[in-house]
PDB file of all heavy atoms in Angstrom:
ATOM      1  N   VAL A   1       0.851  -1.192   0.000  1.00  0.00           N
ATOM      2  CA  VAL A   1       0.000   0.000   0.000  1.00  0.00           C
ATOM      3  C   VAL A   1       0.885   1.240   0.000  1.00  0.00           C
ATOM      4  O   VAL A   1       1.875   1.306   0.743  1.00  0.00           O
ATOM      5  CB  VAL A   1      -0.928   0.026   1.232  1.00  0.00           C
ATOM      6  CG1 VAL A   1      -1.786   1.284   1.233  1.00  0.00           C
ATOM      7  CG2 VAL A   1      -1.804  -1.225   1.265  1.00  0.00           C
ATOM      8  N   SER A   2       0.549   2.206  -0.843  1.00  0.00           N
ATOM      9  CA  SER A   2       1.315   3.447  -0.886  1.00  0.00           C
ATOM     10  C   SER A   2       0.382   4.617  -1.168  1.00  0.00           C
ATOM     11  O   SER A   2      -0.722   4.445  -1.703  1.00  0.00           O
ATOM     12  CB  SER A   2       2.403   3.380  -1.965  1.00  0.00           C
ATOM     13  OG  SER A   2       1.817   3.176  -3.247  1.00  0.00           O
ATOM     14  N   ASP A   3       0.839   5.797  -0.784  1.00  0.00           N
ATOM     15  CA  ASP A   3       0.105   7.025  -1.089  1.00  0.00           C
ATOM     16  C   ASP A   3       0.750   7.680  -2.297  1.00  0.00           C
ATOM     17  O   ASP A   3       1.985   7.800  -2.367  1.00  0.00           O
ATOM     18  CB  ASP A   3       0.131   7.981   0.102  1.00  0.00           C
ATOM     19  CG  ASP A   3      -0.644   7.432   1.297  1.00  0.00           C
ATOM     20  OD1 ASP A   3      -1.653   6.740   1.070  1.00  0.00           O
ATOM     21  OD2 ASP A   3      -0.237   7.692   2.440  1.00  0.00           O
ATOM     22  N   ARG A   4      -0.065   8.093  -3.244  1.00  0.00           N
ATOM     23  CA  ARG A   4       0.454   8.693  -4.474  1.00  0.00           C
ATOM     24  C   ARG A   4      -0.265  10.005  -4.772  1.00  0.00           C
ATOM     25  O   ARG A   4      -1.452  10.149  -4.466  1.00  0.00           O
ATOM     26  CB  ARG A   4       0.243   7.756  -5.673  1.00  0.00           C
ATOM     27  CG  ARG A   4       0.712   6.326  -5.483  1.00  0.00           C
ATOM     28  CD  ARG A   4       2.221   6.202  -5.469  1.00  0.00           C
ATOM     29  NE  ARG A   4       2.624   4.803  -5.483  1.00  0.00           N
ATOM     30  CZ  ARG A   4       2.935   4.123  -6.579  1.00  0.00           C
ATOM     31  NH1 ARG A   4       2.880   4.724  -7.759  1.00  0.00           N
ATOM     32  NH2 ARG A   4       3.291   2.861  -6.508  1.00  0.00           N
ATOM     33  N   VAL A   5       0.442  10.923  -5.378  1.00  0.00           N
ATOM     34  CA  VAL A   5      -0.164  12.131  -5.935  1.00  0.00           C
ATOM     35  C   VAL A   5       0.031  12.044  -7.445  1.00  0.00           C
ATOM     36  O   VAL A   5       1.166  11.929  -7.913  1.00  0.00           O
ATOM     37  CB  VAL A   5       0.472  13.415  -5.377  1.00  0.00           C
ATOM     38  CG1 VAL A   5      -0.158  14.648  -6.030  1.00  0.00           C
ATOM     39  CG2 VAL A   5       0.302  13.477  -3.861  1.00  0.00           C
ATOM     40  N   VAL A   6      -1.083  12.057  -8.197  1.00  0.00           N
ATOM     41  CA  VAL A   6      -0.999  11.775  -9.629  1.00  0.00           C
ATOM     42  C   VAL A   6      -1.689  12.844 -10.459  1.00  0.00           C
ATOM     43  O   VAL A   6      -2.629  13.501 -10.011  1.00  0.00           O
ATOM     44  CB  VAL A   6      -1.608  10.396  -9.957  1.00  0.00           C
ATOM     45  CG1 VAL A   6      -0.945   9.298  -9.133  1.00  0.00           C
ATOM     46  CG2 VAL A   6      -3.114  10.382  -9.726  1.00  0.00           C
ATOM     47  N   GLU A   7      -1.188  12.991 -11.688  1.00  0.00           N
ATOM     48  CA  GLU A   7      -1.772  13.902 -12.666  1.00  0.00           C
ATOM     49  C   GLU A   7      -2.366  13.057 -13.797  1.00  0.00           C
ATOM     50  O   GLU A   7      -1.630  12.487 -14.607  1.00  0.00           O
ATOM     51  CB  GLU A   7      -0.706  14.849 -13.204  1.00  0.00           C
ATOM     52  CG  GLU A   7      -0.058  15.687 -12.105  1.00  0.00           C
ATOM     53  CD  GLU A   7       1.074  16.568 -12.616  1.00  0.00           C
ATOM     54  OE1 GLU A   7       1.290  16.607 -13.851  1.00  0.00           O
ATOM     55  OE2 GLU A   7       1.744  17.213 -11.796  1.00  0.00           O
ATOM     56  N   PRO A   8      -3.695  12.918 -13.868  1.00  0.00           N
ATOM     57  CA  PRO A   8      -4.332  12.008 -14.828  1.00  0.00           C
ATOM     58  C   PRO A   8      -4.054  12.365 -16.279  1.00  0.00           C
ATOM     59  O   PRO A   8      -4.051  13.539 -16.664  1.00  0.00           O
ATOM     60  CB  PRO A   8      -5.824  12.156 -14.511  1.00  0.00           C
ATOM     61  CG  PRO A   8      -5.867  12.670 -13.112  1.00  0.00           C
ATOM     62  CD  PRO A   8      -4.672  13.565 -12.989  1.00  0.00           C
ATOM     63  N   ALA A   9      -3.801  11.317 -17.080  1.00  0.00           N
ATOM     64  CA  ALA A   9      -3.634  11.490 -18.527  1.00  0.00           C
ATOM     65  C   ALA A   9      -4.768  10.832 -19.290  1.00  0.00           C
ATOM     66  O   ALA A   9      -5.098  11.255 -20.401  1.00  0.00           O
ATOM     67  CB  ALA A   9      -2.298  10.908 -18.977  1.00  0.00           C
ATOM     68  N   GLY A  10      -5.370   9.780 -18.736  1.00  0.00           N
ATOM     69  CA  GLY A  10      -6.458   9.101 -19.441  1.00  0.00           C
ATOM     70  C   GLY A  10      -6.796   7.779 -18.800  1.00  0.00           C
ATOM     71  O   GLY A  10      -6.318   7.447 -17.707  1.00  0.00           O
ATOM     72  N   LEU A  11      -7.627   7.008 -19.497  1.00  0.00           N
ATOM     73  CA  LEU A  11      -8.091   5.711 -19.015  1.00  0.00           C
ATOM     74  C   LEU A  11      -7.740   4.634 -20.035  1.00  0.00           C
ATOM     75  O   LEU A  11      -7.798   4.873 -21.242  1.00  0.00           O
ATOM     76  CB  LEU A  11      -9.604   5.726 -18.781  1.00  0.00           C
ATOM     77  CG  LEU A  11     -10.096   6.647 -17.665  1.00  0.00           C
ATOM     78  CD1 LEU A  11     -11.595   6.861 -17.789  1.00  0.00           C
ATOM     79  CD2 LEU A  11      -9.761   6.056 -16.299  1.00  0.00           C
ATOM     80  N   LEU A  12      -7.413   3.461 -19.531  1.00  0.00           N
ATOM     81  CA  LEU A  12      -7.091   2.320 -20.396  1.00  0.00           C
ATOM     82  C   LEU A  12      -7.913   1.124 -19.931  1.00  0.00           C
ATOM     83  O   LEU A  12      -8.081   0.907 -18.727  1.00  0.00           O
ATOM     84  CB  LEU A  12      -5.601   2.004 -20.302  1.00  0.00           C
ATOM     85  CG  LEU A  12      -5.079   0.815 -21.130  1.00  0.00           C
ATOM     86  CD1 LEU A  12      -3.675   1.114 -21.622  1.00  0.00           C
ATOM     87  CD2 LEU A  12      -5.050  -0.480 -20.315  1.00  0.00           C
ATOM     88  N   THR A  13      -8.432   0.363 -20.891  1.00  0.00           N
ATOM     89  CA  THR A  13      -9.172  -0.846 -20.542  1.00  0.00           C
ATOM     90  C   THR A  13      -8.572  -2.046 -21.273  1.00  0.00           C
ATOM     91  O   THR A  13      -8.202  -1.945 -22.444  1.00  0.00           O
ATOM     92  CB  THR A  13     -10.675  -0.716 -20.882  1.00  0.00           C
ATOM     93  OG1 THR A  13     -11.349  -1.931 -20.508  1.00  0.00           O
ATOM     94  CG2 THR A  13     -10.902  -0.447 -22.363  1.00  0.00           C
ATOM     95  N   THR A  14      -8.442  -3.153 -20.572  1.00  0.00           N
ATOM     96  CA  THR A  14      -7.949  -4.389 -21.157  1.00  0.00           C
ATOM     97  C   THR A  14      -8.436  -5.567 -20.342  1.00  0.00           C
ATOM     98  O   THR A  14      -8.442  -5.516 -19.102  1.00  0.00           O
ATOM     99  CB  THR A  14      -6.403  -4.410 -21.238  1.00  0.00           C
ATOM    100  OG1 THR A  14      -5.979  -5.648 -21.801  1.00  0.00           O
ATOM    101  CG2 THR A  14      -5.766  -4.236 -19.877  1.00  0.00           C
ATOM    102  N   GLU A  15      -8.917  -6.590 -21.019  1.00  0.00           N
ATOM    103  CA  GLU A  15      -9.379  -7.821 -20.380  1.00  0.00           C
ATOM    104  C   GLU A  15     -10.367  -7.549 -19.239  1.00  0.00           C
ATOM    105  O   GLU A  15     -10.336  -8.193 -18.197  1.00  0.00           O
ATOM    106  CB  GLU A  15      -8.179  -8.621 -19.863  1.00  0.00           C
ATOM    107  CG  GLU A  15      -7.237  -9.058 -20.981  1.00  0.00           C
ATOM    108  CD  GLU A  15      -6.047  -9.846 -20.464  1.00  0.00           C
ATOM    109  OE1 GLU A  15      -5.847  -9.893 -19.231  1.00  0.00           O
ATOM    110  OE2 GLU A  15      -5.314 -10.415 -21.297  1.00  0.00           O
ATOM    111  N   GLY A  16     -11.252  -6.605 -19.465  1.00  0.00           N
ATOM    112  CA  GLY A  16     -12.286  -6.308 -18.486  1.00  0.00           C
ATOM    113  C   GLY A  16     -11.840  -5.454 -17.320  1.00  0.00           C
ATOM    114  O   GLY A  16     -12.646  -5.164 -16.424  1.00  0.00           O
ATOM    115  N   ARG A  17     -10.575  -5.021 -17.288  1.00  0.00           N
ATOM    116  CA  ARG A  17     -10.070  -4.177 -16.211  1.00  0.00           C
ATOM    117  C   ARG A  17      -9.902  -2.743 -16.711  1.00  0.00           C
ATOM    118  O   ARG A  17      -9.556  -2.511 -17.865  1.00  0.00           O
ATOM    119  CB  ARG A  17      -8.711  -4.687 -15.710  1.00  0.00           C
ATOM    120  CG  ARG A  17      -8.718  -6.117 -15.220  1.00  0.00           C
ATOM    121  CD  ARG A  17      -9.433  -6.252 -13.906  1.00  0.00           C
ATOM    122  NE  ARG A  17      -9.271  -7.584 -13.337  1.00  0.00           N
ATOM    123  CZ  ARG A  17      -9.852  -7.980 -12.206  1.00  0.00           C
ATOM    124  NH1 ARG A  17     -10.632  -7.161 -11.542  1.00  0.00           N
ATOM    125  NH2 ARG A  17      -9.659  -9.207 -11.748  1.00  0.00           N
ATOM    126  N   TRP A  18     -10.090  -1.787 -15.799  1.00  0.00           N
ATOM    127  CA  TRP A  18      -9.891  -0.380 -16.125  1.00  0.00           C
ATOM    128  C   TRP A  18      -8.716   0.163 -15.328  1.00  0.00           C
ATOM    129  O   TRP A  18      -8.548  -0.144 -14.153  1.00  0.00           O
ATOM    130  CB  TRP A  18     -11.146   0.425 -15.809  1.00  0.00           C
ATOM    131  CG  TRP A  18     -12.220   0.278 -16.849  1.00  0.00           C
ATOM    132  CD1 TRP A  18     -13.222  -0.647 -16.866  1.00  0.00           C
ATOM    133  CD2 TRP A  18     -12.385   1.069 -18.024  1.00  0.00           C
ATOM    134  NE1 TRP A  18     -13.999  -0.487 -17.980  1.00  0.00           N
ATOM    135  CE2 TRP A  18     -13.518   0.567 -18.704  1.00  0.00           C
ATOM    136  CE3 TRP A  18     -11.695   2.165 -18.566  1.00  0.00           C
ATOM    137  CZ2 TRP A  18     -13.969   1.110 -19.895  1.00  0.00           C
ATOM    138  CZ3 TRP A  18     -12.146   2.717 -19.755  1.00  0.00           C
ATOM    139  CH2 TRP A  18     -13.266   2.187 -20.410  1.00  0.00           C
ATOM    140  N   TYR A  19      -7.913   0.985 -15.994  1.00  0.00           N
ATOM    141  CA  TYR A  19      -6.730   1.573 -15.373  1.00  0.00           C
ATOM    142  C   TYR A  19      -6.740   3.097 -15.562  1.00  0.00           C
ATOM    143  O   TYR A  19      -7.081   3.593 -16.643  1.00  0.00           O
ATOM    144  CB  TYR A  19      -5.449   1.033 -16.010  1.00  0.00           C
ATOM    145  CG  TYR A  19      -5.233  -0.449 -15.822  1.00  0.00           C
ATOM    146  CD1 TYR A  19      -5.907  -1.373 -16.613  1.00  0.00           C
ATOM    147  CD2 TYR A  19      -4.355  -0.932 -14.858  1.00  0.00           C
ATOM    148  CE1 TYR A  19      -5.726  -2.739 -16.455  1.00  0.00           C
ATOM    149  CE2 TYR A  19      -4.152  -2.295 -14.692  1.00  0.00           C
ATOM    150  CZ  TYR A  19      -4.845  -3.195 -15.492  1.00  0.00           C
ATOM    151  OH  TYR A  19      -4.655  -4.545 -15.327  1.00  0.00           O
ATOM    152  N   LEU A  20      -6.344   3.796 -14.520  1.00  0.00           N
ATOM    153  CA  LEU A  20      -6.076   5.222 -14.623  1.00  0.00           C
ATOM    154  C   LEU A  20      -4.602   5.379 -15.004  1.00  0.00           C
ATOM    155  O   LEU A  20      -3.720   4.913 -14.278  1.00  0.00           O
ATOM    156  CB  LEU A  20      -6.341   5.919 -13.284  1.00  0.00           C
ATOM    157  CG  LEU A  20      -5.844   7.362 -13.163  1.00  0.00           C
ATOM    158  CD1 LEU A  20      -6.602   8.281 -14.120  1.00  0.00           C
ATOM    159  CD2 LEU A  20      -5.984   7.855 -11.719  1.00  0.00           C
ATOM    160  N   ILE A  21      -4.343   5.984 -16.154  1.00  0.00           N
ATOM    161  CA  ILE A  21      -2.970   6.248 -16.577  1.00  0.00           C
ATOM    162  C   ILE A  21      -2.645   7.687 -16.181  1.00  0.00           C
ATOM    163  O   ILE A  21      -3.388   8.620 -16.528  1.00  0.00           O
ATOM    164  CB  ILE A  21      -2.790   6.067 -18.097  1.00  0.00           C
ATOM    165  CG1 ILE A  21      -3.315   4.688 -18.530  1.00  0.00           C
ATOM    166  CG2 ILE A  21      -1.331   6.239 -18.483  1.00  0.00           C
ATOM    167  CD1 ILE A  21      -2.634   3.515 -17.848  1.00  0.00           C
ATOM    168  N   ALA A  22      -1.550   7.860 -15.450  1.00  0.00           N
ATOM    169  CA  ALA A  22      -1.258   9.182 -14.903  1.00  0.00           C
ATOM    170  C   ALA A  22       0.242   9.370 -14.710  1.00  0.00           C
ATOM    171  O   ALA A  22       1.008   8.401 -14.663  1.00  0.00           O
ATOM    172  CB  ALA A  22      -1.976   9.361 -13.560  1.00  0.00           C
ATOM    173  N   TRP A  23       0.657  10.634 -14.595  1.00  0.00           N
ATOM    174  CA  TRP A  23       2.010  10.955 -14.181  1.00  0.00           C
ATOM    175  C   TRP A  23       2.023  10.912 -12.655  1.00  0.00           C
ATOM    176  O   TRP A  23       1.260  11.614 -11.998  1.00  0.00           O
ATOM    177  CB  TRP A  23       2.424  12.339 -14.664  1.00  0.00           C
ATOM    178  CG  TRP A  23       3.767  12.756 -14.147  1.00  0.00           C
ATOM    179  CD1 TRP A  23       4.013  13.563 -13.076  1.00  0.00           C
ATOM    180  CD2 TRP A  23       5.046  12.365 -14.663  1.00  0.00           C
ATOM    181  NE1 TRP A  23       5.365  13.712 -12.886  1.00  0.00           N
ATOM    182  CE2 TRP A  23       6.026  12.985 -13.846  1.00  0.00           C
ATOM    183  CE3 TRP A  23       5.452  11.560 -15.724  1.00  0.00           C
ATOM    184  CZ2 TRP A  23       7.384  12.819 -14.066  1.00  0.00           C
ATOM    185  CZ3 TRP A  23       6.809  11.395 -15.941  1.00  0.00           C
ATOM    186  CH2 TRP A  23       7.756  12.020 -15.127  1.00  0.00           C
ATOM    187  N   CYS A  24       2.838  10.018 -12.110  1.00  0.00           N
ATOM    188  CA  CYS A  24       2.915   9.859 -10.659  1.00  0.00           C
ATOM    189  C   CYS A  24       4.007  10.780 -10.121  1.00  0.00           C
ATOM    190  O   CYS A  24       5.198  10.590 -10.428  1.00  0.00           O
ATOM    191  CB  CYS A  24       3.219   8.399 -10.307  1.00  0.00           C
ATOM    192  SG  CYS A  24       3.369   8.114  -8.527  1.00  0.00           S
ATOM    193  N   ARG A  25       3.623  11.771  -9.343  1.00  0.00           N
ATOM    194  CA  ARG A  25       4.608  12.689  -8.766  1.00  0.00           C
ATOM    195  C   ARG A  25       5.502  11.967  -7.756  1.00  0.00           C
ATOM    196  O   ARG A  25       6.671  12.305  -7.596  1.00  0.00           O
ATOM    197  CB  ARG A  25       3.900  13.852  -8.080  1.00  0.00           C
ATOM    198  CG  ARG A  25       3.209  14.814  -9.036  1.00  0.00           C
ATOM    199  CD  ARG A  25       2.578  15.955  -8.267  1.00  0.00           C
ATOM    200  NE  ARG A  25       1.946  16.926  -9.168  1.00  0.00           N
ATOM    201  CZ  ARG A  25       1.279  17.996  -8.733  1.00  0.00           C
ATOM    202  NH1 ARG A  25       1.165  18.219  -7.415  1.00  0.00           N
ATOM    203  NH2 ARG A  25       0.743  18.833  -9.594  1.00  0.00           N
ATOM    204  N   THR A  26       4.932  10.962  -7.090  1.00  0.00           N
ATOM    205  CA  THR A  26       5.697  10.218  -6.094  1.00  0.00           C
ATOM    206  C   THR A  26       6.830   9.450  -6.748  1.00  0.00           C
ATOM    207  O   THR A  26       7.962   9.423  -6.248  1.00  0.00           O
ATOM    208  CB  THR A  26       4.777   9.263  -5.318  1.00  0.00           C
ATOM    209  OG1 THR A  26       3.649   9.990  -4.820  1.00  0.00           O
ATOM    210  CG2 THR A  26       5.511   8.605  -4.151  1.00  0.00           C
ATOM    211  N   ARG A  27       6.547   8.790  -7.890  1.00  0.00           N
ATOM    212  CA  ARG A  27       7.553   7.994  -8.594  1.00  0.00           C
ATOM    213  C   ARG A  27       8.245   8.773  -9.710  1.00  0.00           C
ATOM    214  O   ARG A  27       9.175   8.268 -10.324  1.00  0.00           O
ATOM    215  CB  ARG A  27       6.894   6.736  -9.176  1.00  0.00           C
ATOM    216  CG  ARG A  27       6.297   5.799  -8.145  1.00  0.00           C
ATOM    217  CD  ARG A  27       7.379   5.129  -7.313  1.00  0.00           C
ATOM    218  NE  ARG A  27       6.815   4.129  -6.427  1.00  0.00           N
ATOM    219  CZ  ARG A  27       6.506   4.350  -5.152  1.00  0.00           C
ATOM    220  NH1 ARG A  27       6.696   5.556  -4.626  1.00  0.00           N
ATOM    221  NH2 ARG A  27       5.996   3.390  -4.400  1.00  0.00           N
ATOM    222  N   ARG A  28       7.754   9.978 -10.000  1.00  0.00           N
ATOM    223  CA  ARG A  28       8.301  10.817 -11.067  1.00  0.00           C
ATOM    224  C   ARG A  28       8.340  10.073 -12.408  1.00  0.00           C
ATOM    225  O   ARG A  28       9.353  10.082 -13.121  1.00  0.00           O
ATOM    226  CB  ARG A  28       9.699  11.331 -10.698  1.00  0.00           C
ATOM    227  CG  ARG A  28       9.714  12.230  -9.474  1.00  0.00           C
ATOM    228  CD  ARG A  28      11.117  12.744  -9.176  1.00  0.00           C
ATOM    229  NE  ARG A  28      11.119  13.610  -8.008  1.00  0.00           N
ATOM    230  CZ  ARG A  28      10.813  14.905  -8.000  1.00  0.00           C
ATOM    231  NH1 ARG A  28      10.471  15.481  -9.133  1.00  0.00           N
ATOM    232  NH2 ARG A  28      10.843  15.597  -6.884  1.00  0.00           N
ATOM    233  N   ALA A  29       7.236   9.421 -12.711  1.00  0.00           N
ATOM    234  CA  ALA A  29       7.141   8.641 -13.952  1.00  0.00           C
ATOM    235  C   ALA A  29       5.683   8.361 -14.257  1.00  0.00           C
ATOM    236  O   ALA A  29       4.808   8.509 -13.389  1.00  0.00           O
ATOM    237  CB  ALA A  29       7.922   7.333 -13.823  1.00  0.00           C
ATOM    238  N   GLY A  30       5.424   7.916 -15.493  1.00  0.00           N
ATOM    239  CA  GLY A  30       4.079   7.509 -15.835  1.00  0.00           C
ATOM    240  C   GLY A  30       3.747   6.172 -15.195  1.00  0.00           C
ATOM    241  O   GLY A  30       4.602   5.284 -15.125  1.00  0.00           O
ATOM    242  N   ARG A  31       2.541   6.020 -14.711  1.00  0.00           N
ATOM    243  CA  ARG A  31       2.120   4.788 -14.045  1.00  0.00           C
ATOM    244  C   ARG A  31       0.663   4.488 -14.401  1.00  0.00           C
ATOM    245  O   ARG A  31      -0.127   5.372 -14.722  1.00  0.00           O
ATOM    246  CB  ARG A  31       2.245   4.893 -12.523  1.00  0.00           C
ATOM    247  CG  ARG A  31       3.672   4.905 -12.001  1.00  0.00           C
ATOM    248  CD  ARG A  31       4.310   3.539 -12.149  1.00  0.00           C
ATOM    249  NE  ARG A  31       5.608   3.452 -11.510  1.00  0.00           N
ATOM    250  CZ  ARG A  31       6.767   3.746 -12.096  1.00  0.00           C
ATOM    251  NH1 ARG A  31       6.775   4.176 -13.354  1.00  0.00           N
ATOM    252  NH2 ARG A  31       7.909   3.626 -11.436  1.00  0.00           N
ATOM    253  N   GLY A  32       0.313   3.194 -14.301  1.00  0.00           N
ATOM    254  CA  GLY A  32      -1.074   2.762 -14.460  1.00  0.00           C
ATOM    255  C   GLY A  32      -1.607   2.267 -13.134  1.00  0.00           C
ATOM    256  O   GLY A  32      -0.936   1.504 -12.430  1.00  0.00           O
ATOM    257  N   PHE A  33      -2.794   2.715 -12.761  1.00  0.00           N
ATOM    258  CA  PHE A  33      -3.400   2.346 -11.481  1.00  0.00           C
ATOM    259  C   PHE A  33      -4.722   1.629 -11.739  1.00  0.00           C
ATOM    260  O   PHE A  33      -5.664   2.234 -12.270  1.00  0.00           O
ATOM    261  CB  PHE A  33      -3.646   3.596 -10.620  1.00  0.00           C
ATOM    262  CG  PHE A  33      -2.390   4.377 -10.335  1.00  0.00           C
ATOM    263  CD1 PHE A  33      -1.999   5.429 -11.160  1.00  0.00           C
ATOM    264  CD2 PHE A  33      -1.595   4.055  -9.244  1.00  0.00           C
ATOM    265  CE1 PHE A  33      -0.848   6.148 -10.903  1.00  0.00           C
ATOM    266  CE2 PHE A  33      -0.425   4.762  -8.974  1.00  0.00           C
ATOM    267  CZ  PHE A  33      -0.053   5.810  -9.813  1.00  0.00           C
ATOM    268  N   ARG A  34      -4.777   0.360 -11.412  1.00  0.00           N
ATOM    269  CA  ARG A  34      -6.006  -0.401 -11.627  1.00  0.00           C
ATOM    270  C   ARG A  34      -7.096   0.144 -10.711  1.00  0.00           C
ATOM    271  O   ARG A  34      -6.876   0.288  -9.503  1.00  0.00           O
ATOM    272  CB  ARG A  34      -5.762  -1.886 -11.350  1.00  0.00           C
ATOM    273  CG  ARG A  34      -6.562  -2.784 -12.274  1.00  0.00           C
ATOM    274  CD  ARG A  34      -6.152  -4.220 -12.153  1.00  0.00           C
ATOM    275  NE  ARG A  34      -6.876  -4.900 -11.093  1.00  0.00           N
ATOM    276  CZ  ARG A  34      -6.719  -6.180 -10.796  1.00  0.00           C
ATOM    277  NH1 ARG A  34      -5.837  -6.901 -11.471  1.00  0.00           N
ATOM    278  NH2 ARG A  34      -7.418  -6.738  -9.832  1.00  0.00           N
ATOM    279  N   LEU A  35      -8.249   0.462 -11.286  1.00  0.00           N
ATOM    280  CA  LEU A  35      -9.279   1.151 -10.524  1.00  0.00           C
ATOM    281  C   LEU A  35      -9.744   0.361  -9.315  1.00  0.00           C
ATOM    282  O   LEU A  35     -10.030   0.938  -8.265  1.00  0.00           O
ATOM    283  CB  LEU A  35     -10.474   1.496 -11.420  1.00  0.00           C
ATOM    284  CG  LEU A  35     -10.223   2.487 -12.566  1.00  0.00           C
ATOM    285  CD1 LEU A  35     -11.548   3.003 -13.110  1.00  0.00           C
ATOM    286  CD2 LEU A  35      -9.350   3.646 -12.148  1.00  0.00           C
TER     287      LEU A  35
END
């Protein structure tokens, strides 16, 4: 478990799952977060 501050770029769906794609300020990189 972690706390993140993110800047949303969009949504991605695959195999019935939805992901928030965002720039993660915590990791300083793009990341996908399963909803």
